[in-house]
Amino acid sequence: MLRIGERVSVQIGDITAIGYISNVGYYGHQIELTKVARIIGGEIEWNRPTKGSYEAHRLEPVGTLLDEWQDKSALVDLALLTKDKRF
């Protein structure tokens, strides 16, 4: 079950978008994702947060995906940017 605040990724064509769940639809099928970064051609690009709606089955947990590009201090910066109080 997906929860608000969970960090996930979604494949959009050749781009992998990374963000956090900002809303879960009534039946849990439609998920609102606030995207904060994207990976294009193996390079990460941080973006201004933007929202999009995706089907739940398309979302994958971020896990260690960001470890390749960022150290832990960057994750703290991301938590501050997204106002993630649980991090």
N, C-alpha and C. Protein backbone atom coordinates (compact mmCIF):
# COMPACT_ATOMS: atom_id res chain seq x y z
N MET A 1 0.85 -1.18 0.00
CA MET A 1 0.00 0.00 0.00
C MET A 1 0.89 1.24 0.00
N LEU A 2 0.61 2.15 -0.87
CA LEU A 2 1.37 3.40 -0.99
C LEU A 2 0.85 4.42 0.01
N ARG A 3 1.78 5.18 0.59
CA ARG A 3 1.41 6.17 1.59
C ARG A 3 1.94 7.55 1.22
N ILE A 4 1.24 8.57 1.67
CA ILE A 4 1.67 9.95 1.45
C ILE A 4 3.05 10.15 2.08
N GLY A 5 3.94 10.80 1.33
CA GLY A 5 5.29 11.06 1.79
C GLY A 5 6.31 10.04 1.33
N GLU A 6 5.85 8.89 0.85
CA GLU A 6 6.76 7.84 0.40
C GLU A 6 7.49 8.29 -0.87
N ARG A 7 8.79 8.04 -0.93
CA ARG A 7 9.59 8.41 -2.11
C ARG A 7 9.51 7.30 -3.14
N VAL A 8 9.17 7.68 -4.37
CA VAL A 8 8.99 6.71 -5.44
C VAL A 8 9.55 7.26 -6.75
N SER A 9 9.63 6.38 -7.74
CA SER A 9 10.03 6.80 -9.09
C SER A 9 9.01 6.27 -10.07
N VAL A 10 8.95 6.90 -11.23
CA VAL A 10 8.05 6.48 -12.30
C VAL A 10 8.78 6.67 -13.63
N GLN A 11 8.63 5.70 -14.50
CA GLN A 11 9.24 5.77 -15.83
C GLN A 11 8.28 6.51 -16.76
N ILE A 12 8.77 7.58 -17.41
CA ILE A 12 7.98 8.36 -18.36
C ILE A 12 8.78 8.40 -19.65
N GLY A 13 8.52 7.47 -20.55
CA GLY A 13 9.33 7.35 -21.76
C GLY A 13 10.75 6.99 -21.40
N ASP A 14 11.72 7.81 -21.84
CA ASP A 14 13.13 7.59 -21.54
C ASP A 14 13.58 8.25 -20.24
N ILE A 15 12.65 8.89 -19.55
CA ILE A 15 12.97 9.64 -18.33
C ILE A 15 12.46 8.89 -17.11
N THR A 16 13.27 8.88 -16.06
CA THR A 16 12.83 8.37 -14.76
C THR A 16 12.59 9.57 -13.86
N ALA A 17 11.35 9.77 -13.45
CA ALA A 17 11.01 10.87 -12.55
C ALA A 17 11.05 10.36 -11.12
N ILE A 18 11.57 11.18 -10.22
CA ILE A 18 11.69 10.84 -8.80
C ILE A 18 10.93 11.88 -8.00
N GLY A 19 10.18 11.42 -7.02
CA GLY A 19 9.43 12.35 -6.18
C GLY A 19 8.84 11.66 -4.98
N TYR A 20 7.82 12.28 -4.43
CA TYR A 20 7.15 11.71 -3.27
C TYR A 20 5.64 11.76 -3.49
N ILE A 21 4.94 10.84 -2.86
CA ILE A 21 3.48 10.76 -2.99
C ILE A 21 2.87 11.89 -2.18
N SER A 22 2.07 12.71 -2.85
CA SER A 22 1.44 13.84 -2.16
C SER A 22 -0.06 13.64 -1.95
N ASN A 23 -0.65 12.64 -2.63
CA ASN A 23 -2.06 12.34 -2.43
C ASN A 23 -2.35 10.96 -3.00
N VAL A 24 -3.27 10.25 -2.36
CA VAL A 24 -3.69 8.93 -2.83
C VAL A 24 -5.18 9.01 -3.13
N GLY A 25 -5.57 8.58 -4.34
CA GLY A 25 -6.97 8.61 -4.74
C GLY A 25 -7.84 7.73 -3.86
N TYR A 26 -9.14 7.88 -3.99
CA TYR A 26 -10.12 7.21 -3.13
C TYR A 26 -9.92 5.70 -3.08
N TYR A 27 -9.73 5.06 -4.21
CA TYR A 27 -9.55 3.61 -4.23
C TYR A 27 -8.08 3.20 -4.27
N GLY A 28 -7.18 4.15 -4.23
CA GLY A 28 -5.76 3.86 -4.21
C GLY A 28 -5.16 3.56 -5.57
N HIS A 29 -5.93 3.76 -6.65
CA HIS A 29 -5.41 3.46 -7.99
C HIS A 29 -4.69 4.66 -8.59
N GLN A 30 -5.22 5.85 -8.40
CA GLN A 30 -4.60 7.08 -8.91
C GLN A 30 -3.79 7.72 -7.80
N ILE A 31 -2.53 7.98 -8.09
CA ILE A 31 -1.62 8.54 -7.11
C ILE A 31 -1.10 9.87 -7.62
N GLU A 32 -1.16 10.89 -6.76
CA GLU A 32 -0.56 12.18 -7.10
C GLU A 32 0.89 12.17 -6.63
N LEU A 33 1.79 12.40 -7.57
CA LEU A 33 3.22 12.38 -7.29
C LEU A 33 3.78 13.79 -7.48
N THR A 34 4.49 14.29 -6.48
CA THR A 34 5.20 15.55 -6.60
C THR A 34 6.62 15.21 -7.02
N LYS A 35 6.94 15.53 -8.28
CA LYS A 35 8.25 15.18 -8.84
C LYS A 35 9.26 16.26 -8.48
N VAL A 36 10.44 15.82 -8.01
CA VAL A 36 11.48 16.77 -7.62
C VAL A 36 12.78 16.58 -8.41
N ALA A 37 12.90 15.48 -9.13
CA ALA A 37 14.12 15.22 -9.91
C ALA A 37 13.77 14.29 -11.06
N ARG A 38 14.67 14.26 -12.04
CA ARG A 38 14.51 13.31 -13.13
C ARG A 38 15.88 12.85 -13.60
N ILE A 39 15.91 11.64 -14.12
CA ILE A 39 17.14 11.07 -14.63
C ILE A 39 16.98 10.93 -16.13
N ILE A 40 17.87 11.61 -16.86
CA ILE A 40 17.85 11.59 -18.32
C ILE A 40 19.24 11.19 -18.79
N GLY A 41 19.32 10.11 -19.53
CA GLY A 41 20.62 9.67 -20.05
C GLY A 41 21.66 9.41 -18.98
N GLY A 42 21.22 8.91 -17.83
CA GLY A 42 22.15 8.61 -16.75
C GLY A 42 22.56 9.78 -15.90
N GLU A 43 22.03 10.97 -16.17
CA GLU A 43 22.35 12.17 -15.39
C GLU A 43 21.12 12.62 -14.62
N ILE A 44 21.33 12.97 -13.35
CA ILE A 44 20.21 13.45 -12.53
C ILE A 44 20.09 14.96 -12.67
N GLU A 45 18.86 15.42 -12.70
CA GLU A 45 18.55 16.85 -12.82
C GLU A 45 17.50 17.19 -11.77
N TRP A 46 17.83 18.06 -10.84
CA TRP A 46 16.89 18.48 -9.80
C TRP A 46 15.98 19.56 -10.38
N ASN A 47 14.70 19.47 -10.07
CA ASN A 47 13.70 20.39 -10.62
C ASN A 47 12.91 21.05 -9.50
N ARG A 48 12.20 22.10 -9.88
CA ARG A 48 11.21 22.69 -8.98
C ARG A 48 10.08 21.66 -8.85
N PRO A 49 9.55 21.43 -7.65
CA PRO A 49 8.51 20.42 -7.48
C PRO A 49 7.30 20.67 -8.38
N THR A 50 6.89 19.63 -9.11
CA THR A 50 5.70 19.68 -9.95
C THR A 50 4.86 18.43 -9.70
N LYS A 51 3.55 18.57 -9.81
CA LYS A 51 2.65 17.45 -9.51
C LYS A 51 2.19 16.77 -10.78
N GLY A 52 1.96 15.47 -10.66
CA GLY A 52 1.41 14.68 -11.75
C GLY A 52 0.62 13.53 -11.17
N SER A 53 -0.30 12.99 -11.96
CA SER A 53 -1.14 11.89 -11.51
C SER A 53 -0.77 10.62 -12.28
N TYR A 54 -0.55 9.52 -11.56
CA TYR A 54 -0.10 8.28 -12.18
C TYR A 54 -0.87 7.10 -11.59
N GLU A 55 -0.95 6.02 -12.35
CA GLU A 55 -1.56 4.80 -11.85
C GLU A 55 -0.58 4.15 -10.88
N ALA A 56 -1.10 3.60 -9.80
CA ALA A 56 -0.26 3.05 -8.73
C ALA A 56 0.70 1.99 -9.22
N HIS A 57 0.30 1.16 -10.17
CA HIS A 57 1.17 0.06 -10.62
C HIS A 57 2.42 0.55 -11.36
N ARG A 58 2.45 1.81 -11.78
CA ARG A 58 3.62 2.36 -12.47
C ARG A 58 4.71 2.85 -11.53
N LEU A 59 4.39 3.01 -10.26
CA LEU A 59 5.33 3.58 -9.29
C LEU A 59 6.20 2.50 -8.67
N GLU A 60 7.48 2.83 -8.48
CA GLU A 60 8.45 1.93 -7.86
C GLU A 60 9.10 2.65 -6.68
N PRO A 61 9.38 1.94 -5.58
CA PRO A 61 10.11 2.57 -4.47
C PRO A 61 11.47 3.06 -4.94
N VAL A 62 11.92 4.19 -4.42
CA VAL A 62 13.21 4.75 -4.82
C VAL A 62 14.35 3.86 -4.34
N GLY A 63 14.25 3.34 -3.12
CA GLY A 63 15.30 2.47 -2.59
C GLY A 63 16.66 3.13 -2.65
N THR A 64 17.62 2.50 -3.32
CA THR A 64 18.99 3.01 -3.40
C THR A 64 19.27 3.74 -4.71
N LEU A 65 18.22 4.05 -5.47
CA LEU A 65 18.38 4.68 -6.78
C LEU A 65 19.23 5.94 -6.72
N LEU A 66 19.03 6.77 -5.71
CA LEU A 66 19.76 8.04 -5.62
C LEU A 66 21.18 7.89 -5.10
N ASP A 67 21.53 6.75 -4.53
CA ASP A 67 22.87 6.57 -3.97
C ASP A 67 23.97 6.74 -5.01
N GLU A 68 23.69 6.44 -6.26
CA GLU A 68 24.69 6.59 -7.32
C GLU A 68 25.10 8.05 -7.51
N TRP A 69 24.16 8.97 -7.33
CA TRP A 69 24.40 10.37 -7.66
C TRP A 69 24.64 11.26 -6.45
N GLN A 70 24.04 10.91 -5.34
CA GLN A 70 24.04 11.86 -4.23
C GLN A 70 24.54 11.21 -2.94
N ASP A 71 25.18 12.02 -2.12
CA ASP A 71 25.53 11.56 -0.79
C ASP A 71 24.36 11.85 0.15
N LYS A 72 24.50 11.45 1.39
CA LYS A 72 23.40 11.61 2.35
C LYS A 72 23.06 13.07 2.62
N SER A 73 24.01 13.98 2.51
CA SER A 73 23.70 15.39 2.75
C SER A 73 22.73 15.92 1.70
N ALA A 74 22.82 15.40 0.47
CA ALA A 74 21.88 15.81 -0.57
C ALA A 74 20.47 15.32 -0.25
N LEU A 75 20.36 14.15 0.37
CA LEU A 75 19.04 13.66 0.76
C LEU A 75 18.45 14.52 1.87
N VAL A 76 19.29 15.02 2.76
CA VAL A 76 18.82 15.94 3.79
C VAL A 76 18.32 17.22 3.13
N ASP A 77 19.05 17.73 2.15
CA ASP A 77 18.62 18.92 1.40
C ASP A 77 17.28 18.68 0.73
N LEU A 78 17.10 17.48 0.14
CA LEU A 78 15.83 17.14 -0.50
C LEU A 78 14.70 17.11 0.52
N ALA A 79 14.96 16.55 1.69
CA ALA A 79 13.94 16.51 2.75
C ALA A 79 13.55 17.93 3.16
N LEU A 80 14.52 18.82 3.26
CA LEU A 80 14.22 20.22 3.60
C LEU A 80 13.43 20.90 2.50
N LEU A 81 13.80 20.64 1.25
CA LEU A 81 13.12 21.23 0.10
C LEU A 81 11.66 20.80 0.05
N THR A 82 11.41 19.52 0.35
CA THR A 82 10.06 18.98 0.25
C THR A 82 9.30 19.04 1.57
N LYS A 83 9.95 19.62 2.60
CA LYS A 83 9.34 19.76 3.93
C LYS A 83 8.96 18.41 4.53
N ASP A 84 9.81 17.40 4.30
CA ASP A 84 9.59 16.05 4.82
C ASP A 84 10.05 16.01 6.28
N LYS A 85 9.12 16.07 7.21
CA LYS A 85 9.46 16.12 8.63
C LYS A 85 9.85 14.76 9.18
N ARG A 86 9.43 13.67 8.53
CA ARG A 86 9.75 12.34 9.02
C ARG A 86 11.19 11.94 8.74
N PHE A 87 11.84 12.54 7.73
CA PHE A 87 13.22 12.18 7.39
C PHE A 87 14.13 12.55 8.52
